[in-house]
Amino acid sequence: MPTEFLTDVQGLAYGHYGGPPSNQQLAGYFHLDDADLELVKVRRGAQNKLGFALQLTTARFLGTFLSEQTAVPPNVIAYVAAQLGIHDVACLAEYGARSNTAWEHAAEIRRLYGYRDFSDHDVSFPLVRWL
C-alpha cells in the first residue's frame, strides 16, 4: 500500500529555504571547517569558491541541492562569504556563467561527502525495506 511521506505543502517546501536560517542554524550548518576550506580554496575565482561553499552548506542544511542557486537567503551568503574572505558577494551572479559548473560542483560534493540521491535504487530499496 503506497504511503505519502510528505503533505502537498511539505512537498512544495522541500529543497527550498523556508526563510532565513537563525544564527544558531548558521553556526551549525553553514560553518566551514578546515577540510571544507581546503576543498573550496582550489576553486578558481571568488564566484566559484562562494558557489561551491554555498552548495555544500545548503546540502547540509536542506538535505538536497538547490535547483536555483539564486534562492539562497542573503544572511547565508554573507555568513559563508565572510568565512572565505569574500567582500563583494555580487560575484555570485557569475557563478552560473558556465552552465555545467554548479552541476559539476554538486556531483563532486556528493562524491566527496558520500551524499546519495534517494531516487537511486541502491539507496531507496534497502532504506524502504529497513523502515
C-alpha atoms as a PDB file:
ATOM      1  CA  MET A   1       0.000   0.000   0.000  1.00  0.00           C
ATOM      2  CA  PRO A   2       1.571   3.323  -1.046  1.00  0.00           C
ATOM      3  CA  THR A   3       2.278   5.826   1.655  1.00  0.00           C
ATOM      4  CA  GLU A   4       2.807   9.547   1.304  1.00  0.00           C
ATOM      5  CA  PHE A   5       5.624  10.822   3.457  1.00  0.00           C
ATOM      6  CA  LEU A   6       5.122  14.497   2.689  1.00  0.00           C
ATOM      7  CA  THR A   7       1.957  16.525   2.506  1.00  0.00           C
ATOM      8  CA  ASP A   8       1.442  18.682  -0.586  1.00  0.00           C
ATOM      9  CA  VAL A   9       2.647  21.730   1.338  1.00  0.00           C
ATOM     10  CA  GLN A  10       5.726  19.875   2.610  1.00  0.00           C
ATOM     11  CA  GLY A  11       6.449  18.607  -0.889  1.00  0.00           C
ATOM     12  CA  LEU A  12       6.401  22.135  -2.274  1.00  0.00           C
ATOM     13  CA  ALA A  13       8.667  23.375   0.528  1.00  0.00           C
ATOM     14  CA  TYR A  14      11.199  20.530   0.212  1.00  0.00           C
ATOM     15  CA  GLY A  15      14.516  21.670  -1.180  1.00  0.00           C
ATOM     16  CA  HIS A  16      13.811  25.357  -0.574  1.00  0.00           C
ATOM     17  CA  TYR A  17      14.703  27.716   2.203  1.00  0.00           C
ATOM     18  CA  GLY A  18      11.607  28.470   4.271  1.00  0.00           C
ATOM     19  CA  GLY A  19      13.144  31.770   5.303  1.00  0.00           C
ATOM     20  CA  PRO A  20      16.497  32.953   6.565  1.00  0.00           C
ATOM     21  CA  PRO A  21      18.200  30.490   8.928  1.00  0.00           C
ATOM     22  CA  SER A  22      18.706  31.585  12.533  1.00  0.00           C
ATOM     23  CA  ASN A  23      22.130  32.455  13.929  1.00  0.00           C
ATOM     24  CA  GLN A  24      22.199  29.074  15.659  1.00  0.00           C
ATOM     25  CA  GLN A  25      21.437  27.318  12.361  1.00  0.00           C
ATOM     26  CA  LEU A  26      24.111  29.353  10.590  1.00  0.00           C
ATOM     27  CA  ALA A  27      26.700  28.263  13.145  1.00  0.00           C
ATOM     28  CA  GLY A  28      25.598  24.635  12.988  1.00  0.00           C
ATOM     29  CA  TYR A  29      25.110  24.040   9.276  1.00  0.00           C
ATOM     30  CA  PHE A  30      26.985  26.790   7.470  1.00  0.00           C
ATOM     31  CA  HIS A  31      30.308  26.768   9.318  1.00  0.00           C
ATOM     32  CA  LEU A  32      33.177  25.717   7.057  1.00  0.00           C
ATOM     33  CA  ASP A  33      35.762  23.578   8.833  1.00  0.00           C
ATOM     34  CA  ASP A  34      39.373  23.148   7.697  1.00  0.00           C
ATOM     35  CA  ALA A  35      38.532  20.221   5.390  1.00  0.00           C
ATOM     36  CA  ASP A  36      35.738  22.234   3.753  1.00  0.00           C
ATOM     37  CA  LEU A  37      38.022  25.220   3.283  1.00  0.00           C
ATOM     38  CA  GLU A  38      40.670  23.020   1.631  1.00  0.00           C
ATOM     39  CA  LEU A  39      38.087  21.908  -0.942  1.00  0.00           C
ATOM     40  CA  VAL A  40      36.836  25.439  -1.506  1.00  0.00           C
ATOM     41  CA  LYS A  41      40.218  27.116  -1.900  1.00  0.00           C
ATOM     42  CA  VAL A  42      41.156  25.122  -5.028  1.00  0.00           C
ATOM     43  CA  ARG A  43      38.234  26.665  -6.956  1.00  0.00           C
ATOM     44  CA  ARG A  44      39.147  29.356  -9.453  1.00  0.00           C
ATOM     45  CA  GLY A  45      37.620  32.751  -8.859  1.00  0.00           C
ATOM     46  CA  ALA A  46      35.621  34.142  -5.962  1.00  0.00           C
ATOM     47  CA  GLN A  47      32.335  33.218  -7.666  1.00  0.00           C
ATOM     48  CA  ASN A  48      33.289  29.525  -7.810  1.00  0.00           C
ATOM     49  CA  LYS A  49      34.623  29.468  -4.264  1.00  0.00           C
ATOM     50  CA  LEU A  50      31.443  31.048  -2.934  1.00  0.00           C
ATOM     51  CA  GLY A  51      29.157  28.994  -5.174  1.00  0.00           C
ATOM     52  CA  PHE A  52      30.804  25.705  -4.178  1.00  0.00           C
ATOM     53  CA  ALA A  53      30.678  26.597  -0.471  1.00  0.00           C
ATOM     54  CA  LEU A  54      27.011  27.597  -0.721  1.00  0.00           C
ATOM     55  CA  GLN A  55      26.142  24.334  -2.446  1.00  0.00           C
ATOM     56  CA  LEU A  56      27.963  22.356   0.245  1.00  0.00           C
ATOM     57  CA  THR A  57      26.362  24.149   3.170  1.00  0.00           C
ATOM     58  CA  THR A  58      22.912  24.221   1.567  1.00  0.00           C
ATOM     59  CA  ALA A  59      23.052  20.448   1.066  1.00  0.00           C
ATOM     60  CA  ARG A  60      23.896  20.066   4.756  1.00  0.00           C
ATOM     61  CA  PHE A  61      21.010  22.275   5.794  1.00  0.00           C
ATOM     62  CA  LEU A  62      18.275  21.231   3.368  1.00  0.00           C
ATOM     63  CA  GLY A  63      19.383  17.680   2.651  1.00  0.00           C
ATOM     64  CA  THR A  64      19.366  18.393  -1.074  1.00  0.00           C
ATOM     65  CA  PHE A  65      20.875  20.729  -3.621  1.00  0.00           C
ATOM     66  CA  LEU A  66      19.041  23.816  -4.837  1.00  0.00           C
ATOM     67  CA  SER A  67      17.774  23.801  -8.388  1.00  0.00           C
ATOM     68  CA  GLU A  68      18.073  27.595  -8.426  1.00  0.00           C
ATOM     69  CA  GLN A  69      21.334  28.903  -6.968  1.00  0.00           C
ATOM     70  CA  THR A  70      19.966  32.419  -6.528  1.00  0.00           C
ATOM     71  CA  ALA A  71      17.440  31.196  -3.942  1.00  0.00           C
ATOM     72  CA  VAL A  72      19.927  31.362  -1.054  1.00  0.00           C
ATOM     73  CA  PRO A  73      18.956  33.838   1.689  1.00  0.00           C
ATOM     74  CA  PRO A  74      21.218  36.893   1.994  1.00  0.00           C
ATOM     75  CA  ASN A  75      22.265  36.053   5.568  1.00  0.00           C
ATOM     76  CA  VAL A  76      23.574  32.665   4.381  1.00  0.00           C
ATOM     77  CA  ILE A  77      25.531  34.259   1.547  1.00  0.00           C
ATOM     78  CA  ALA A  78      27.024  36.854   3.907  1.00  0.00           C
ATOM     79  CA  TYR A  79      27.914  34.246   6.562  1.00  0.00           C
ATOM     80  CA  VAL A  80      29.653  31.926   4.106  1.00  0.00           C
ATOM     81  CA  ALA A  81      31.353  34.757   2.193  1.00  0.00           C
ATOM     82  CA  ALA A  82      32.791  36.164   5.441  1.00  0.00           C
ATOM     83  CA  GLN A  83      34.437  32.822   6.195  1.00  0.00           C
ATOM     84  CA  LEU A  84      36.026  32.868   2.745  1.00  0.00           C
ATOM     85  CA  GLY A  85      37.156  36.496   2.973  1.00  0.00           C
ATOM     86  CA  ILE A  86      34.949  37.443   0.018  1.00  0.00           C
ATOM     87  CA  HIS A  87      33.782  41.026   0.442  1.00  0.00           C
ATOM     88  CA  ASP A  88      31.866  41.519  -2.812  1.00  0.00           C
ATOM     89  CA  VAL A  89      29.112  38.897  -2.897  1.00  0.00           C
ATOM     90  CA  ALA A  90      27.909  40.306  -6.225  1.00  0.00           C
ATOM     91  CA  CYS A  91      30.452  37.918  -7.762  1.00  0.00           C
ATOM     92  CA  LEU A  92      27.930  35.141  -7.105  1.00  0.00           C
ATOM     93  CA  ALA A  93      25.955  36.339 -10.135  1.00  0.00           C
ATOM     94  CA  GLU A  94      28.809  34.991 -12.280  1.00  0.00           C
ATOM     95  CA  TYR A  95      28.615  31.504 -10.740  1.00  0.00           C
ATOM     96  CA  GLY A  96      26.211  30.222 -13.369  1.00  0.00           C
ATOM     97  CA  ALA A  97      28.100  31.717 -16.328  1.00  0.00           C
ATOM     98  CA  ARG A  98      29.182  28.214 -17.336  1.00  0.00           C
ATOM     99  CA  SER A  99      26.078  26.059 -17.116  1.00  0.00           C
ATOM    100  CA  ASN A 100      27.848  22.878 -16.015  1.00  0.00           C
ATOM    101  CA  THR A 101      29.800  24.401 -13.136  1.00  0.00           C
ATOM    102  CA  ALA A 102      27.068  24.134 -10.492  1.00  0.00           C
ATOM    103  CA  TRP A 103      26.170  20.625 -11.645  1.00  0.00           C
ATOM    104  CA  GLU A 104      29.827  19.508 -11.542  1.00  0.00           C
ATOM    105  CA  HIS A 105      30.270  21.016  -8.085  1.00  0.00           C
ATOM    106  CA  ALA A 106      27.167  19.214  -6.799  1.00  0.00           C
ATOM    107  CA  ALA A 107      28.450  15.921  -8.240  1.00  0.00           C
ATOM    108  CA  GLU A 108      31.834  16.450  -6.578  1.00  0.00           C
ATOM    109  CA  ILE A 109      30.230  17.257  -3.220  1.00  0.00           C
ATOM    110  CA  ARG A 110      28.098  14.098  -3.481  1.00  0.00           C
ATOM    111  CA  ARG A 111      31.188  12.021  -4.210  1.00  0.00           C
ATOM    112  CA  LEU A 112      33.445  13.562  -1.556  1.00  0.00           C
ATOM    113  CA  TYR A 113      30.880  13.589   1.249  1.00  0.00           C
ATOM    114  CA  GLY A 114      29.096  10.365   0.305  1.00  0.00           C
ATOM    115  CA  TYR A 115      25.738  12.016  -0.359  1.00  0.00           C
ATOM    116  CA  ARG A 116      23.377   9.825  -2.354  1.00  0.00           C
ATOM    117  CA  ASP A 117      20.119  10.552  -4.138  1.00  0.00           C
ATOM    118  CA  PHE A 118      17.155   8.838  -2.552  1.00  0.00           C
ATOM    119  CA  SER A 119      15.904   8.130  -6.074  1.00  0.00           C
ATOM    120  CA  ASP A 120      18.939   5.857  -6.563  1.00  0.00           C
ATOM    121  CA  HIS A 121      17.537   2.316  -6.303  1.00  0.00           C
ATOM    122  CA  ASP A 122      20.648   1.134  -4.409  1.00  0.00           C
ATOM    123  CA  VAL A 123      19.760   3.649  -1.703  1.00  0.00           C
ATOM    124  CA  SER A 124      15.972   3.709  -1.644  1.00  0.00           C
ATOM    125  CA  PHE A 125      15.274  -0.033  -1.754  1.00  0.00           C
ATOM    126  CA  PRO A 126      17.332  -1.025   1.328  1.00  0.00           C
ATOM    127  CA  LEU A 127      16.099   2.015   3.237  1.00  0.00           C
ATOM    128  CA  VAL A 128      12.440   1.334   2.477  1.00  0.00           C
ATOM    129  CA  ARG A 129      12.883  -2.318   3.439  1.00  0.00           C
ATOM    130  CA  TRP A 130      14.561  -1.295   6.689  1.00  0.00           C
ATOM    131  CA  LEU A 131      11.779   1.147   7.526  1.00  0.00           C
END
